[in-house]
């Protein structure tokens, strides 16, 4: 059974709470994934939040302690040390990653509104360039059609139309094998692969 999509207002409140929790613990972080794409204009929904922690200066234990200290969050027990699932008020799942080399070099701050207060909160997200790199890696690893849709939106809209993506950085950030894996899993993305491999 597929997980139920969550309305964007609820995701926004969860993102603000997540931001406050990690900021209070002085943990460097950046949100990414489906919710960010919604904020950037994609016609999609999301069932959870995704956040990357800067593992170069943060330990797994520090992340767990931060969530344990905040009554709004509950950590789901697991065996991985580079990722953990967290629940916000039992309503929103959050995938928290601590993957070496995956934290973005630059942050995009997006103002997220709390619909209950109408106040805006600045929340750090991946830059579109780094989000495209992350999504290409996802498409090379799995066959989820939503990943392919995300890559198309970032490339067609944010890169080609709005010029918000530095394709030189993208080409340097993904290996040829990852581009080949993307096309193998999602043949319709072949036109993007041609652009990525050009001058690689």
C-alpha atoms as a PDB file:
ATOM      1  CA  UNK A   1       0.000   0.000   0.000  1.00  0.00           C
ATOM      2  CA  UNK A   2       1.402   3.416  -0.959  1.00  0.00           C
ATOM      3  CA  UNK A   3       1.836   6.076   1.691  1.00  0.00           C
ATOM      4  CA  UNK A   4      -0.725   8.854   1.807  1.00  0.00           C
ATOM      5  CA  UNK A   5       0.338  12.211   0.428  1.00  0.00           C
ATOM      6  CA  UNK A   6       0.421  15.047   2.962  1.00  0.00           C
ATOM      7  CA  UNK A   7      -0.886  18.536   2.273  1.00  0.00           C
ATOM      8  CA  UNK A   8       1.722  21.222   1.752  1.00  0.00           C
ATOM      9  CA  UNK A   9       0.598  23.309   4.745  1.00  0.00           C
ATOM     10  CA  UNK A  10       1.317  20.397   7.079  1.00  0.00           C
ATOM     11  CA  UNK A  11       4.666  19.749   5.409  1.00  0.00           C
ATOM     12  CA  UNK A  12       5.519  23.424   5.820  1.00  0.00           C
ATOM     13  CA  UNK A  13       4.786  23.397   9.542  1.00  0.00           C
ATOM     14  CA  UNK A  14       6.852  20.215   9.901  1.00  0.00           C
ATOM     15  CA  UNK A  15       9.732  21.803   7.955  1.00  0.00           C
ATOM     16  CA  UNK A  16       9.686  24.845  10.234  1.00  0.00           C
ATOM     17  CA  UNK A  17       9.687  22.652  13.347  1.00  0.00           C
ATOM     18  CA  UNK A  18      12.521  20.560  11.911  1.00  0.00           C
ATOM     19  CA  UNK A  19      14.504  23.698  11.155  1.00  0.00           C
ATOM     20  CA  UNK A  20      14.054  25.032  14.687  1.00  0.00           C
ATOM     21  CA  UNK A  21      15.070  21.695  16.214  1.00  0.00           C
ATOM     22  CA  UNK A  22      18.297  21.327  14.236  1.00  0.00           C
ATOM     23  CA  UNK A  23      19.205  25.012  14.498  1.00  0.00           C
ATOM     24  CA  UNK A  24      18.804  24.886  18.288  1.00  0.00           C
ATOM     25  CA  UNK A  25      21.270  21.981  18.356  1.00  0.00           C
ATOM     26  CA  UNK A  26      23.660  23.897  16.038  1.00  0.00           C
ATOM     27  CA  UNK A  27      23.531  21.113  13.453  1.00  0.00           C
ATOM     28  CA  UNK A  28      24.188  22.147   9.824  1.00  0.00           C
ATOM     29  CA  UNK A  29      21.388  20.848   7.585  1.00  0.00           C
ATOM     30  CA  UNK A  30      19.577  21.394   4.298  1.00  0.00           C
ATOM     31  CA  UNK A  31      16.198  20.111   3.154  1.00  0.00           C
ATOM     32  CA  UNK A  32      15.748  18.603  -0.305  1.00  0.00           C
ATOM     33  CA  UNK A  33      13.450  16.269  -2.186  1.00  0.00           C
ATOM     34  CA  UNK A  34       9.777  16.457  -3.049  1.00  0.00           C
ATOM     35  CA  UNK A  35       8.762  19.257  -0.720  1.00  0.00           C
ATOM     36  CA  UNK A  36      11.498  21.524  -2.055  1.00  0.00           C
ATOM     37  CA  UNK A  37      10.351  20.822  -5.602  1.00  0.00           C
ATOM     38  CA  UNK A  38       6.829  21.859  -4.613  1.00  0.00           C
ATOM     39  CA  UNK A  39       8.221  25.171  -3.354  1.00  0.00           C
ATOM     40  CA  UNK A  40      10.175  25.606  -6.585  1.00  0.00           C
ATOM     41  CA  UNK A  41       7.025  25.226  -8.657  1.00  0.00           C
ATOM     42  CA  UNK A  42       6.760  21.542  -9.527  1.00  0.00           C
ATOM     43  CA  UNK A  43       3.262  20.132  -9.948  1.00  0.00           C
ATOM     44  CA  UNK A  44       3.617  17.304  -7.452  1.00  0.00           C
ATOM     45  CA  UNK A  45       2.922  16.354  -3.876  1.00  0.00           C
ATOM     46  CA  UNK A  46       5.033  14.666  -1.223  1.00  0.00           C
ATOM     47  CA  UNK A  47       4.481  12.180   1.568  1.00  0.00           C
ATOM     48  CA  UNK A  48       7.417  13.218   3.774  1.00  0.00           C
ATOM     49  CA  UNK A  49      10.453  15.455   4.228  1.00  0.00           C
ATOM     50  CA  UNK A  50      14.081  14.761   3.359  1.00  0.00           C
ATOM     51  CA  UNK A  51      17.007  16.481   5.045  1.00  0.00           C
ATOM     52  CA  UNK A  52      20.763  16.105   4.658  1.00  0.00           C
ATOM     53  CA  UNK A  53      23.040  16.700   7.648  1.00  0.00           C
ATOM     54  CA  UNK A  54      26.632  17.862   7.247  1.00  0.00           C
ATOM     55  CA  UNK A  55      28.317  14.663   8.390  1.00  0.00           C
ATOM     56  CA  UNK A  56      31.769  16.275   8.220  1.00  0.00           C
ATOM     57  CA  UNK A  57      31.075  18.128  11.467  1.00  0.00           C
ATOM     58  CA  UNK A  58      28.114  16.270  12.987  1.00  0.00           C
ATOM     59  CA  UNK A  59      27.941  12.809  14.513  1.00  0.00           C
ATOM     60  CA  UNK A  60      25.038  10.390  14.337  1.00  0.00           C
ATOM     61  CA  UNK A  61      24.708  10.615  18.131  1.00  0.00           C
ATOM     62  CA  UNK A  62      24.367  14.407  18.004  1.00  0.00           C
ATOM     63  CA  UNK A  63      21.492  14.110  15.550  1.00  0.00           C
ATOM     64  CA  UNK A  64      19.693  11.521  17.676  1.00  0.00           C
ATOM     65  CA  UNK A  65      20.200  13.624  20.822  1.00  0.00           C
ATOM     66  CA  UNK A  66      18.730  16.680  19.077  1.00  0.00           C
ATOM     67  CA  UNK A  67      15.541  14.854  18.153  1.00  0.00           C
ATOM     68  CA  UNK A  68      15.281  13.096  21.524  1.00  0.00           C
ATOM     69  CA  UNK A  69      15.432  16.488  23.243  1.00  0.00           C
ATOM     70  CA  UNK A  70      12.485  17.843  21.238  1.00  0.00           C
ATOM     71  CA  UNK A  71       9.060  16.465  22.258  1.00  0.00           C
ATOM     72  CA  UNK A  72       7.664  17.089  18.757  1.00  0.00           C
ATOM     73  CA  UNK A  73       9.886  14.379  17.278  1.00  0.00           C
ATOM     74  CA  UNK A  74      10.245  10.624  17.707  1.00  0.00           C
ATOM     75  CA  UNK A  75      13.156   8.601  16.317  1.00  0.00           C
ATOM     76  CA  UNK A  76      12.280   5.310  14.625  1.00  0.00           C
ATOM     77  CA  UNK A  77      14.819   2.655  15.716  1.00  0.00           C
ATOM     78  CA  UNK A  78      17.036   1.365  12.914  1.00  0.00           C
ATOM     79  CA  UNK A  79      20.424  -0.132  12.127  1.00  0.00           C
ATOM     80  CA  UNK A  80      21.877   2.419   9.712  1.00  0.00           C
ATOM     81  CA  UNK A  81      24.396   5.051  10.800  1.00  0.00           C
ATOM     82  CA  UNK A  82      24.098   7.243   7.707  1.00  0.00           C
ATOM     83  CA  UNK A  83      20.324   7.666   7.850  1.00  0.00           C
ATOM     84  CA  UNK A  84      17.468   7.622  10.321  1.00  0.00           C
ATOM     85  CA  UNK A  85      13.685   7.927  10.100  1.00  0.00           C
ATOM     86  CA  UNK A  86      12.045  10.490  12.362  1.00  0.00           C
ATOM     87  CA  UNK A  87       8.362  11.241  12.951  1.00  0.00           C
ATOM     88  CA  UNK A  88       7.029  14.732  13.587  1.00  0.00           C
ATOM     89  CA  UNK A  89       3.974  14.655  15.894  1.00  0.00           C
ATOM     90  CA  UNK A  90       3.249  11.194  14.451  1.00  0.00           C
ATOM     91  CA  UNK A  91       1.954  12.858  11.262  1.00  0.00           C
ATOM     92  CA  UNK A  92       4.957  13.514   9.022  1.00  0.00           C
ATOM     93  CA  UNK A  93       7.839  11.166   8.347  1.00  0.00           C
ATOM     94  CA  UNK A  94      11.281  12.686   7.918  1.00  0.00           C
ATOM     95  CA  UNK A  95      14.206  10.894   6.308  1.00  0.00           C
ATOM     96  CA  UNK A  96      17.409  12.252   7.842  1.00  0.00           C
ATOM     97  CA  UNK A  97      20.649  11.527   5.968  1.00  0.00           C
ATOM     98  CA  UNK A  98      24.289  11.833   7.078  1.00  0.00           C
ATOM     99  CA  UNK A  99      26.025  10.717   3.897  1.00  0.00           C
ATOM    100  CA  UNK A 100      29.682  11.680   3.435  1.00  0.00           C
ATOM    101  CA  UNK A 101      30.168  13.993   0.482  1.00  0.00           C
ATOM    102  CA  UNK A 102      26.462  14.614  -0.121  1.00  0.00           C
ATOM    103  CA  UNK A 103      25.996  17.870   1.824  1.00  0.00           C
ATOM    104  CA  UNK A 104      25.734  20.792  -0.621  1.00  0.00           C
ATOM    105  CA  UNK A 105      28.506  23.421  -0.776  1.00  0.00           C
ATOM    106  CA  UNK A 106      25.946  26.252  -0.909  1.00  0.00           C
ATOM    107  CA  UNK A 107      22.507  26.694   0.645  1.00  0.00           C
ATOM    108  CA  UNK A 108      19.308  28.174  -0.767  1.00  0.00           C
ATOM    109  CA  UNK A 109      17.146  29.848   1.885  1.00  0.00           C
ATOM    110  CA  UNK A 110      13.424  29.654   1.126  1.00  0.00           C
ATOM    111  CA  UNK A 111      10.792  31.440   3.187  1.00  0.00           C
ATOM    112  CA  UNK A 112       8.190  28.938   4.401  1.00  0.00           C
ATOM    113  CA  UNK A 113       4.943  30.250   5.831  1.00  0.00           C
ATOM    114  CA  UNK A 114       3.277  28.859   8.930  1.00  0.00           C
ATOM    115  CA  UNK A 115      -0.420  28.958   7.949  1.00  0.00           C
ATOM    116  CA  UNK A 116      -1.485  29.178  11.599  1.00  0.00           C
ATOM    117  CA  UNK A 117       0.473  32.375  12.275  1.00  0.00           C
ATOM    118  CA  UNK A 118       1.053  33.757   8.736  1.00  0.00           C
ATOM    119  CA  UNK A 119       4.703  34.263   9.734  1.00  0.00           C
ATOM    120  CA  UNK A 120       7.455  33.282   7.315  1.00  0.00           C
ATOM    121  CA  UNK A 121      10.480  31.281   8.432  1.00  0.00           C
ATOM    122  CA  UNK A 122      13.735  31.054   6.462  1.00  0.00           C
ATOM    123  CA  UNK A 123      14.549  27.380   5.932  1.00  0.00           C
ATOM    124  CA  UNK A 124      17.761  26.103   4.251  1.00  0.00           C
ATOM    125  CA  UNK A 125      17.404  23.909   1.172  1.00  0.00           C
ATOM    126  CA  UNK A 126      19.640  22.486  -1.554  1.00  0.00           C
ATOM    127  CA  UNK A 127      20.483  24.834  -4.412  1.00  0.00           C
ATOM    128  CA  UNK A 128      18.751  23.692  -7.664  1.00  0.00           C
ATOM    129  CA  UNK A 129      22.152  22.690  -9.074  1.00  0.00           C
ATOM    130  CA  UNK A 130      22.847  20.345  -6.160  1.00  0.00           C
ATOM    131  CA  UNK A 131      19.254  19.106  -6.169  1.00  0.00           C
ATOM    132  CA  UNK A 132      19.638  18.030  -9.805  1.00  0.00           C
ATOM    133  CA  UNK A 133      22.863  16.199  -8.955  1.00  0.00           C
ATOM    134  CA  UNK A 134      21.111  14.421  -6.091  1.00  0.00           C
ATOM    135  CA  UNK A 135      18.127  13.470  -8.249  1.00  0.00           C
ATOM    136  CA  UNK A 136      20.314  12.139 -11.061  1.00  0.00           C
ATOM    137  CA  UNK A 137      22.030   9.884  -8.532  1.00  0.00           C
ATOM    138  CA  UNK A 138      18.595   8.692  -7.369  1.00  0.00           C
ATOM    139  CA  UNK A 139      17.489   7.845 -10.909  1.00  0.00           C
ATOM    140  CA  UNK A 140      20.700   5.870 -11.433  1.00  0.00           C
ATOM    141  CA  UNK A 141      19.940   3.773  -8.345  1.00  0.00           C
ATOM    142  CA  UNK A 142      16.197   3.070  -8.685  1.00  0.00           C
ATOM    143  CA  UNK A 143      13.278   3.038 -11.109  1.00  0.00           C
ATOM    144  CA  UNK A 144      10.824   5.347  -9.333  1.00  0.00           C
ATOM    145  CA  UNK A 145       8.984   7.376 -11.961  1.00  0.00           C
ATOM    146  CA  UNK A 146       8.662  10.340  -9.584  1.00  0.00           C
ATOM    147  CA  UNK A 147      12.478  10.652  -9.636  1.00  0.00           C
ATOM    148  CA  UNK A 148      12.411  10.881 -13.433  1.00  0.00           C
ATOM    149  CA  UNK A 149       9.650  13.505 -13.257  1.00  0.00           C
ATOM    150  CA  UNK A 150      11.763  15.511 -10.813  1.00  0.00           C
ATOM    151  CA  UNK A 151      14.840  15.387 -13.054  1.00  0.00           C
ATOM    152  CA  UNK A 152      12.744  16.539 -16.030  1.00  0.00           C
ATOM    153  CA  UNK A 153      11.293  19.449 -14.053  1.00  0.00           C
ATOM    154  CA  UNK A 154      14.662  20.621 -12.732  1.00  0.00           C
ATOM    155  CA  UNK A 155      16.328  20.326 -16.130  1.00  0.00           C
ATOM    156  CA  UNK A 156      13.527  21.635 -18.366  1.00  0.00           C
ATOM    157  CA  UNK A 157      12.227  24.379 -16.077  1.00  0.00           C
ATOM    158  CA  UNK A 158      14.944  25.400 -13.623  1.00  0.00           C
ATOM    159  CA  UNK A 159      17.952  24.805 -15.877  1.00  0.00           C
ATOM    160  CA  UNK A 160      16.828  25.479 -19.448  1.00  0.00           C
ATOM    161  CA  UNK A 161      14.028  28.013 -18.926  1.00  0.00           C
ATOM    162  CA  UNK A 162      14.984  29.812 -15.716  1.00  0.00           C
ATOM    163  CA  UNK A 163      18.784  29.390 -15.881  1.00  0.00           C
ATOM    164  CA  UNK A 164      18.939  28.535 -12.179  1.00  0.00           C
ATOM    165  CA  UNK A 165      21.170  25.479 -12.610  1.00  0.00           C
ATOM    166  CA  UNK A 166      24.898  25.530 -13.339  1.00  0.00           C
ATOM    167  CA  UNK A 167      25.220  22.610 -15.752  1.00  0.00           C
ATOM    168  CA  UNK A 168      29.030  22.743 -15.554  1.00  0.00           C
ATOM    169  CA  UNK A 169      28.793  21.914 -11.850  1.00  0.00           C
ATOM    170  CA  UNK A 170      26.231  19.185 -12.557  1.00  0.00           C
ATOM    171  CA  UNK A 171      28.496  17.567 -15.155  1.00  0.00           C
ATOM    172  CA  UNK A 172      31.355  17.593 -12.665  1.00  0.00           C
ATOM    173  CA  UNK A 173      29.151  16.267  -9.874  1.00  0.00           C
ATOM    174  CA  UNK A 174      27.851  13.101 -11.544  1.00  0.00           C
ATOM    175  CA  UNK A 175      29.929  10.252 -12.913  1.00  0.00           C
ATOM    176  CA  UNK A 176      29.351   8.918 -16.442  1.00  0.00           C
ATOM    177  CA  UNK A 177      28.296   5.613 -14.890  1.00  0.00           C
ATOM    178  CA  UNK A 178      25.573   7.413 -12.962  1.00  0.00           C
ATOM    179  CA  UNK A 179      24.312   9.086 -16.136  1.00  0.00           C
ATOM    180  CA  UNK A 180      24.296   5.696 -17.861  1.00  0.00           C
ATOM    181  CA  UNK A 181      22.419   4.209 -14.910  1.00  0.00           C
ATOM    182  CA  UNK A 182      19.864   7.011 -15.142  1.00  0.00           C
ATOM    183  CA  UNK A 183      19.177   6.225 -18.803  1.00  0.00           C
ATOM    184  CA  UNK A 184      19.083   2.488 -18.150  1.00  0.00           C
ATOM    185  CA  UNK A 185      16.414   2.963 -15.476  1.00  0.00           C
ATOM    186  CA  UNK A 186      14.616   5.817 -17.261  1.00  0.00           C
ATOM    187  CA  UNK A 187      15.198   5.728 -21.054  1.00  0.00           C
ATOM    188  CA  UNK A 188      13.027   8.828 -21.569  1.00  0.00           C
ATOM    189  CA  UNK A 189      15.743  10.890 -19.865  1.00  0.00           C
ATOM    190  CA  UNK A 190      18.159  10.208 -22.720  1.00  0.00           C
ATOM    191  CA  UNK A 191      17.994  13.797 -23.949  1.00  0.00           C
ATOM    192  CA  UNK A 192      19.196  14.993 -20.528  1.00  0.00           C
ATOM    193  CA  UNK A 193      21.989  12.425 -20.572  1.00  0.00           C
ATOM    194  CA  UNK A 194      23.195  13.835 -23.892  1.00  0.00           C
ATOM    195  CA  UNK A 195      23.469  17.278 -22.312  1.00  0.00           C
ATOM    196  CA  UNK A 196      25.270  15.889 -19.279  1.00  0.00           C
ATOM    197  CA  UNK A 197      27.815  13.930 -21.297  1.00  0.00           C
ATOM    198  CA  UNK A 198      28.507  16.846 -23.624  1.00  0.00           C
ATOM    199  CA  UNK A 199      31.939  18.282 -22.797  1.00  0.00           C
ATOM    200  CA  UNK A 200      32.103  15.906 -19.799  1.00  0.00           C
END
